[in-house]
Every structure is written in structure tokens, then in C-alpha cells.
All heavy atoms as atom14 arrays in JSON, in Angstrom:
{
  "sequence": "NGGETLLHPDFGSFLEEIARAKRDGAAFREVRLT",
  "atom14_mask": [
    [1, 1, 1, 1, 1, 1, 1, 1, 0, 0, 0, 0, 0, 0],
    [1, 1, 1, 1, 0, 0, 0, 0, 0, 0, 0, 0, 0, 0],
    [1, 1, 1, 1, 0, 0, 0, 0, 0, 0, 0, 0, 0, 0],
    [1, 1, 1, 1, 1, 1, 1, 1, 1, 0, 0, 0, 0, 0],
    [1, 1, 1, 1, 1, 1, 1, 0, 0, 0, 0, 0, 0, 0],
    [1, 1, 1, 1, 1, 1, 1, 1, 0, 0, 0, 0, 0, 0],
    [1, 1, 1, 1, 1, 1, 1, 1, 0, 0, 0, 0, 0, 0],
    [1, 1, 1, 1, 1, 1, 1, 1, 1, 1, 0, 0, 0, 0],
    [1, 1, 1, 1, 1, 1, 1, 0, 0, 0, 0, 0, 0, 0],
    [1, 1, 1, 1, 1, 1, 1, 1, 0, 0, 0, 0, 0, 0],
    [1, 1, 1, 1, 1, 1, 1, 1, 1, 1, 1, 0, 0, 0],
    [1, 1, 1, 1, 0, 0, 0, 0, 0, 0, 0, 0, 0, 0],
    [1, 1, 1, 1, 1, 1, 0, 0, 0, 0, 0, 0, 0, 0],
    [1, 1, 1, 1, 1, 1, 1, 1, 1, 1, 1, 0, 0, 0],
    [1, 1, 1, 1, 1, 1, 1, 1, 0, 0, 0, 0, 0, 0],
    [1, 1, 1, 1, 1, 1, 1, 1, 1, 0, 0, 0, 0, 0],
    [1, 1, 1, 1, 1, 1, 1, 1, 1, 0, 0, 0, 0, 0],
    [1, 1, 1, 1, 1, 1, 1, 1, 0, 0, 0, 0, 0, 0],
    [1, 1, 1, 1, 1, 0, 0, 0, 0, 0, 0, 0, 0, 0],
    [1, 1, 1, 1, 1, 1, 1, 1, 1, 1, 1, 0, 0, 0],
    [1, 1, 1, 1, 1, 0, 0, 0, 0, 0, 0, 0, 0, 0],
    [1, 1, 1, 1, 1, 1, 1, 1, 1, 0, 0, 0, 0, 0],
    [1, 1, 1, 1, 1, 1, 1, 1, 1, 1, 1, 0, 0, 0],
    [1, 1, 1, 1, 1, 1, 1, 1, 0, 0, 0, 0, 0, 0],
    [1, 1, 1, 1, 0, 0, 0, 0, 0, 0, 0, 0, 0, 0],
    [1, 1, 1, 1, 1, 0, 0, 0, 0, 0, 0, 0, 0, 0],
    [1, 1, 1, 1, 1, 0, 0, 0, 0, 0, 0, 0, 0, 0],
    [1, 1, 1, 1, 1, 1, 1, 1, 1, 1, 1, 0, 0, 0],
    [1, 1, 1, 1, 1, 1, 1, 1, 1, 1, 1, 0, 0, 0],
    [1, 1, 1, 1, 1, 1, 1, 1, 1, 0, 0, 0, 0, 0],
    [1, 1, 1, 1, 1, 1, 1, 0, 0, 0, 0, 0, 0, 0],
    [1, 1, 1, 1, 1, 1, 1, 1, 1, 1, 1, 0, 0, 0],
    [1, 1, 1, 1, 1, 1, 1, 1, 0, 0, 0, 0, 0, 0],
    [1, 1, 1, 1, 1, 1, 1, 0, 0, 0, 0, 0, 0, 0]
  ],
  "atom14_positions": [
    [[4.07, 0.65, 11.67], [2.69, 1.12, 11.52], [2.51, 2.38, 12.34], [2.9, 3.45, 11.91], [1.68, 0.04, 11.92], [0.26, 0.43, 11.51], [0.01, 0.74, 10.36], [-0.66, 0.46, 12.45], [0.0, 0.0, 0.0], [0.0, 0.0, 0.0], [0.0, 0.0, 0.0], [0.0, 0.0, 0.0], [0.0, 0.0, 0.0], [0.0, 0.0, 0.0]],
    [[2.0, 2.26, 13.58], [1.71, 3.46, 14.34], [2.89, 4.01, 15.13], [3.07, 5.22, 15.22], [0.0, 0.0, 0.0], [0.0, 0.0, 0.0], [0.0, 0.0, 0.0], [0.0, 0.0, 0.0], [0.0, 0.0, 0.0], [0.0, 0.0, 0.0], [0.0, 0.0, 0.0], [0.0, 0.0, 0.0], [0.0, 0.0, 0.0], [0.0, 0.0, 0.0]],
    [[3.7, 3.12, 15.71], [4.76, 3.57, 16.6], [6.14, 3.49, 15.96], [6.27, 3.25, 14.76], [0.0, 0.0, 0.0], [0.0, 0.0, 0.0], [0.0, 0.0, 0.0], [0.0, 0.0, 0.0], [0.0, 0.0, 0.0], [0.0, 0.0, 0.0], [0.0, 0.0, 0.0], [0.0, 0.0, 0.0], [0.0, 0.0, 0.0], [0.0, 0.0, 0.0]],
    [[7.16, 3.7, 16.78], [8.55, 3.59, 16.32], [9.04, 2.16, 16.59], [9.22, 1.75, 17.74], [9.43, 4.61, 17.04], [10.93, 4.41, 16.87], [11.35, 4.27, 15.4], [10.85, 5.02, 14.54], [12.19, 3.4, 15.13], [0.0, 0.0, 0.0], [0.0, 0.0, 0.0], [0.0, 0.0, 0.0], [0.0, 0.0, 0.0], [0.0, 0.0, 0.0]],
    [[9.29, 1.41, 15.54], [9.59, -0.02, 15.62], [10.79, -0.3, 16.51], [10.81, -1.29, 17.25], [9.84, -0.57, 14.21], [8.67, -0.32, 13.41], [10.11, -2.06, 14.24], [0.0, 0.0, 0.0], [0.0, 0.0, 0.0], [0.0, 0.0, 0.0], [0.0, 0.0, 0.0], [0.0, 0.0, 0.0], [0.0, 0.0, 0.0], [0.0, 0.0, 0.0]],
    [[11.82, 0.55, 16.47], [13.04, 0.28, 17.22], [12.87, 0.43, 18.72], [13.77, 0.08, 19.49], [14.18, 1.18, 16.73], [15.0, 0.6, 15.58], [14.18, 0.54, 14.29], [16.28, 1.4, 15.34], [0.0, 0.0, 0.0], [0.0, 0.0, 0.0], [0.0, 0.0, 0.0], [0.0, 0.0, 0.0], [0.0, 0.0, 0.0], [0.0, 0.0, 0.0]],
    [[11.72, 0.93, 19.18], [11.48, 1.01, 20.62], [11.17, -0.35, 21.23], [11.21, -0.51, 22.46], [10.3, 1.96, 20.9], [10.54, 3.45, 20.66], [9.24, 4.23, 20.9], [11.65, 3.98, 21.56], [0.0, 0.0, 0.0], [0.0, 0.0, 0.0], [0.0, 0.0, 0.0], [0.0, 0.0, 0.0], [0.0, 0.0, 0.0], [0.0, 0.0, 0.0]],
    [[10.86, -1.35, 20.41], [10.51, -2.67, 20.95], [11.73, -3.26, 21.67], [12.83, -3.32, 21.12], [10.06, -3.62, 19.83], [9.29, -4.8, 20.33], [9.87, -5.79, 21.09], [7.98, -5.13, 20.21], [8.95, -6.7, 21.4], [7.79, -6.31, 20.88], [0.0, 0.0, 0.0], [0.0, 0.0, 0.0], [0.0, 0.0, 0.0], [0.0, 0.0, 0.0]],
    [[11.55, -3.71, 22.92], [12.69, -4.23, 23.68], [13.3, -5.49, 23.1], [14.46, -5.8, 23.37], [12.1, -4.48, 25.08], [10.63, -4.59, 24.86], [10.31, -3.69, 23.72], [0.0, 0.0, 0.0], [0.0, 0.0, 0.0], [0.0, 0.0, 0.0], [0.0, 0.0, 0.0], [0.0, 0.0, 0.0], [0.0, 0.0, 0.0], [0.0, 0.0, 0.0]],
    [[12.53, -6.24, 22.3], [13.03, -7.47, 21.68], [13.23, -7.29, 20.17], [13.1, -8.25, 19.4], [12.06, -8.63, 21.94], [11.95, -8.98, 23.41], [12.99, -8.91, 24.1], [10.84, -9.3, 23.87], [0.0, 0.0, 0.0], [0.0, 0.0, 0.0], [0.0, 0.0, 0.0], [0.0, 0.0, 0.0], [0.0, 0.0, 0.0], [0.0, 0.0, 0.0]],
    [[13.57, -6.09, 19.77], [13.72, -5.79, 18.34], [14.68, -6.76, 17.66], [14.36, -7.33, 16.61], [14.21, -4.35, 18.17], [14.55, -3.97, 16.77], [13.55, -3.72, 15.84], [15.88, -3.85, 16.36], [13.86, -3.36, 14.54], [16.19, -3.49, 15.06], [15.19, -3.25, 14.14], [0.0, 0.0, 0.0], [0.0, 0.0, 0.0], [0.0, 0.0, 0.0]],
    [[15.84, -7.0, 18.25], [16.84, -7.86, 17.64], [16.36, -9.3, 17.48], [16.52, -9.91, 16.42], [0.0, 0.0, 0.0], [0.0, 0.0, 0.0], [0.0, 0.0, 0.0], [0.0, 0.0, 0.0], [0.0, 0.0, 0.0], [0.0, 0.0, 0.0], [0.0, 0.0, 0.0], [0.0, 0.0, 0.0], [0.0, 0.0, 0.0], [0.0, 0.0, 0.0]],
    [[15.75, -9.85, 18.52], [15.28, -11.23, 18.44], [14.08, -11.37, 17.51], [13.9, -12.4, 16.85], [14.92, -11.76, 19.84], [13.87, -11.01, 20.42], [0.0, 0.0, 0.0], [0.0, 0.0, 0.0], [0.0, 0.0, 0.0], [0.0, 0.0, 0.0], [0.0, 0.0, 0.0], [0.0, 0.0, 0.0], [0.0, 0.0, 0.0], [0.0, 0.0, 0.0]],
    [[13.26, -10.32, 17.39], [12.15, -10.33, 16.43], [12.7, -10.4, 15.0], [12.17, -11.12, 14.15], [11.28, -9.09, 16.6], [10.15, -9.26, 17.59], [10.33, -10.02, 18.74], [8.92, -8.68, 17.37], [9.3, -10.19, 19.65], [7.87, -8.84, 18.27], [8.06, -9.59, 19.41], [0.0, 0.0, 0.0], [0.0, 0.0, 0.0], [0.0, 0.0, 0.0]],
    [[13.77, -9.65, 14.73], [14.38, -9.72, 13.41], [14.93, -11.12, 13.13], [14.84, -11.61, 11.99], [15.5, -8.69, 13.28], [15.12, -7.21, 13.22], [16.33, -6.37, 12.84], [13.98, -6.95, 12.25], [0.0, 0.0, 0.0], [0.0, 0.0, 0.0], [0.0, 0.0, 0.0], [0.0, 0.0, 0.0], [0.0, 0.0, 0.0], [0.0, 0.0, 0.0]],
    [[15.49, -11.76, 14.13], [16.0, -13.11, 13.94], [14.88, -14.08, 13.59], [15.04, -14.97, 12.74], [16.73, -13.57, 15.21], [18.03, -12.83, 15.46], [18.66, -13.2, 16.79], [18.09, -14.07, 17.49], [19.7, -12.62, 17.13], [0.0, 0.0, 0.0], [0.0, 0.0, 0.0], [0.0, 0.0, 0.0], [0.0, 0.0, 0.0], [0.0, 0.0, 0.0]],
    [[13.7, -13.91, 14.22], [12.55, -14.77, 13.9], [12.09, -14.55, 12.45], [11.76, -15.5, 11.73], [11.39, -14.47, 14.86], [11.63, -14.89, 16.3], [11.68, -16.4, 16.44], [10.95, -17.1, 15.7], [12.46, -16.89, 17.26], [0.0, 0.0, 0.0], [0.0, 0.0, 0.0], [0.0, 0.0, 0.0], [0.0, 0.0, 0.0], [0.0, 0.0, 0.0]],
    [[12.08, -13.3, 12.04], [11.68, -12.98, 10.67], [12.7, -13.53, 9.68], [12.33, -14.07, 8.62], [11.5, -11.46, 10.51], [10.28, -11.0, 11.32], [11.35, -11.07, 9.05], [10.15, -9.5, 11.46], [0.0, 0.0, 0.0], [0.0, 0.0, 0.0], [0.0, 0.0, 0.0], [0.0, 0.0, 0.0], [0.0, 0.0, 0.0], [0.0, 0.0, 0.0]],
    [[13.99, -13.4, 10.01], [15.02, -13.95, 9.13], [14.89, -15.46, 8.99], [15.1, -16.02, 7.91], [16.4, -13.58, 9.67], [0.0, 0.0, 0.0], [0.0, 0.0, 0.0], [0.0, 0.0, 0.0], [0.0, 0.0, 0.0], [0.0, 0.0, 0.0], [0.0, 0.0, 0.0], [0.0, 0.0, 0.0], [0.0, 0.0, 0.0], [0.0, 0.0, 0.0]],
    [[14.53, -16.13, 10.07], [14.35, -17.58, 10.03], [13.2, -17.95, 9.1], [13.3, -18.88, 8.3], [14.12, -18.12, 11.44], [14.12, -19.63, 11.54], [14.04, -20.1, 12.99], [15.2, -19.63, 13.75], [15.15, -18.75, 14.75], [13.98, -18.24, 15.12], [16.25, -18.39, 15.37], [0.0, 0.0, 0.0], [0.0, 0.0, 0.0], [0.0, 0.0, 0.0]],
    [[12.09, -17.21, 9.21], [10.95, -17.46, 8.32], [11.33, -17.18, 6.87], [10.91, -17.89, 5.95], [9.77, -16.59, 8.75], [0.0, 0.0, 0.0], [0.0, 0.0, 0.0], [0.0, 0.0, 0.0], [0.0, 0.0, 0.0], [0.0, 0.0, 0.0], [0.0, 0.0, 0.0], [0.0, 0.0, 0.0], [0.0, 0.0, 0.0], [0.0, 0.0, 0.0]],
    [[12.13, -16.16, 6.67], [12.59, -15.81, 5.32], [13.42, -16.94, 4.72], [13.23, -17.32, 3.55], [13.41, -14.52, 5.43], [13.7, -13.8, 4.14], [14.44, -12.51, 4.49], [14.8, -11.72, 3.26], [15.57, -10.5, 3.6], [0.0, 0.0, 0.0], [0.0, 0.0, 0.0], [0.0, 0.0, 0.0], [0.0, 0.0, 0.0], [0.0, 0.0, 0.0]],
    [[14.32, -17.5, 5.51], [15.15, -18.61, 5.04], [14.31, -19.86, 4.77], [14.65, -20.66, 3.89], [16.24, -18.92, 6.05], [17.32, -17.86, 6.18], [18.5, -18.35, 6.96], [18.16, -18.71, 8.32], [18.23, -17.88, 9.35], [18.62, -16.62, 9.16], [17.91, -18.27, 10.57], [0.0, 0.0, 0.0], [0.0, 0.0, 0.0], [0.0, 0.0, 0.0]],
    [[13.23, -20.01, 5.51], [12.35, -21.18, 5.34], [11.42, -21.05, 4.13], [10.62, -21.95, 3.88], [11.5, -21.4, 6.6], [12.35, -21.86, 7.79], [13.5, -22.29, 7.56], [11.85, -21.77, 8.92], [0.0, 0.0, 0.0], [0.0, 0.0, 0.0], [0.0, 0.0, 0.0], [0.0, 0.0, 0.0], [0.0, 0.0, 0.0], [0.0, 0.0, 0.0]],
    [[11.52, -19.91, 3.42], [10.71, -19.74, 2.22], [9.31, -19.23, 2.49], [8.37, -19.61, 1.79], [0.0, 0.0, 0.0], [0.0, 0.0, 0.0], [0.0, 0.0, 0.0], [0.0, 0.0, 0.0], [0.0, 0.0, 0.0], [0.0, 0.0, 0.0], [0.0, 0.0, 0.0], [0.0, 0.0, 0.0], [0.0, 0.0, 0.0], [0.0, 0.0, 0.0]],
    [[9.14, -18.37, 3.5], [7.83, -17.81, 3.8], [7.32, -17.0, 2.6], [8.07, -16.69, 1.67], [7.89, -16.93, 5.04], [0.0, 0.0, 0.0], [0.0, 0.0, 0.0], [0.0, 0.0, 0.0], [0.0, 0.0, 0.0], [0.0, 0.0, 0.0], [0.0, 0.0, 0.0], [0.0, 0.0, 0.0], [0.0, 0.0, 0.0], [0.0, 0.0, 0.0]],
    [[6.04, -16.65, 2.64], [5.35, -16.13, 1.46], [5.63, -14.66, 1.16], [5.01, -14.09, 0.27], [3.84, -16.34, 1.62], [0.0, 0.0, 0.0], [0.0, 0.0, 0.0], [0.0, 0.0, 0.0], [0.0, 0.0, 0.0], [0.0, 0.0, 0.0], [0.0, 0.0, 0.0], [0.0, 0.0, 0.0], [0.0, 0.0, 0.0], [0.0, 0.0, 0.0]],
    [[6.54, -13.99, 1.88], [6.85, -12.6, 1.57], [8.16, -12.53, 0.79], [9.07, -13.32, 1.0], [6.92, -11.76, 2.85], [7.86, -12.28, 3.9], [9.2, -11.92, 3.9], [7.4, -13.13, 4.9], [10.07, -12.39, 4.88], [8.26, -13.61, 5.89], [9.59, -13.24, 5.87], [0.0, 0.0, 0.0], [0.0, 0.0, 0.0], [0.0, 0.0, 0.0]],
    [[8.23, -11.52, -0.09], [9.42, -11.39, -0.94], [10.52, -10.58, -0.28], [11.69, -10.95, -0.33], [9.04, -10.74, -2.27], [8.0, -11.5, -3.08], [7.78, -10.79, -4.42], [6.48, -11.13, -4.98], [5.97, -10.56, -6.06], [6.65, -9.6, -6.67], [4.77, -10.92, -6.51], [0.0, 0.0, 0.0], [0.0, 0.0, 0.0], [0.0, 0.0, 0.0]],
    [[10.14, -9.42, 0.29], [11.14, -8.53, 0.87], [10.62, -7.94, 2.17], [9.4, -7.86, 2.39], [11.49, -7.4, -0.11], [12.14, -7.9, -1.39], [12.59, -6.76, -2.3], [12.29, -5.58, -1.99], [13.24, -7.05, -3.31], [0.0, 0.0, 0.0], [0.0, 0.0, 0.0], [0.0, 0.0, 0.0], [0.0, 0.0, 0.0], [0.0, 0.0, 0.0]],
    [[11.56, -7.5, 3.0], [11.23, -6.91, 4.3], [11.71, -5.46, 4.31], [12.86, -5.17, 3.97], [11.91, -7.69, 5.46], [11.58, -7.03, 6.8], [11.45, -9.15, 5.45], [0.0, 0.0, 0.0], [0.0, 0.0, 0.0], [0.0, 0.0, 0.0], [0.0, 0.0, 0.0], [0.0, 0.0, 0.0], [0.0, 0.0, 0.0], [0.0, 0.0, 0.0]],
    [[10.79, -4.56, 4.72], [11.13, -3.14, 4.76], [10.89, -2.59, 6.17], [9.86, -2.84, 6.77], [10.3, -2.35, 3.75], [10.47, -2.86, 2.32], [10.03, -1.87, 1.25], [8.62, -1.57, 1.28], [7.97, -0.97, 0.27], [8.64, -0.62, -0.83], [6.68, -0.73, 0.34], [0.0, 0.0, 0.0], [0.0, 0.0, 0.0], [0.0, 0.0, 0.0]],
    [[11.86, -1.87, 6.65], [11.79, -1.22, 7.97], [11.76, 0.28, 7.78], [12.61, 0.84, 7.08], [13.01, -1.62, 8.8], [13.27, -0.81, 10.08], [12.19, -1.06, 11.12], [14.65, -1.14, 10.65], [0.0, 0.0, 0.0], [0.0, 0.0, 0.0], [0.0, 0.0, 0.0], [0.0, 0.0, 0.0], [0.0, 0.0, 0.0], [0.0, 0.0, 0.0]],
    [[10.79, 0.95, 8.4], [10.74, 2.41, 8.4], [10.98, 2.9, 9.82], [10.39, 2.39, 10.77], [9.37, 2.92, 7.9], [9.16, 2.45, 6.57], [9.32, 4.44, 7.91], [0.0, 0.0, 0.0], [0.0, 0.0, 0.0], [0.0, 0.0, 0.0], [0.0, 0.0, 0.0], [0.0, 0.0, 0.0], [0.0, 0.0, 0.0], [0.0, 0.0, 0.0]]
  ]
}
């Protein structure tokens, strides 16, 4: 959104949380990173 996503100190673990939700069948179809 406003900032640079990769500056987050927990970027890797945040992706793991999103991947887990994705495997669990969460309501989003695809994930896009800018």
C-alpha cells in the first residue's frame, strides 16, 4: 500500500502465515506482492 513491503522485519514469517491461510482454503484466490 503506502510503504515498501520488504522493509518489514518479519517479512518472511508474515509470508509463512499467509501461506498457511492459503493452504487452509482462505477466501482469497491469489497473492500479489509489489
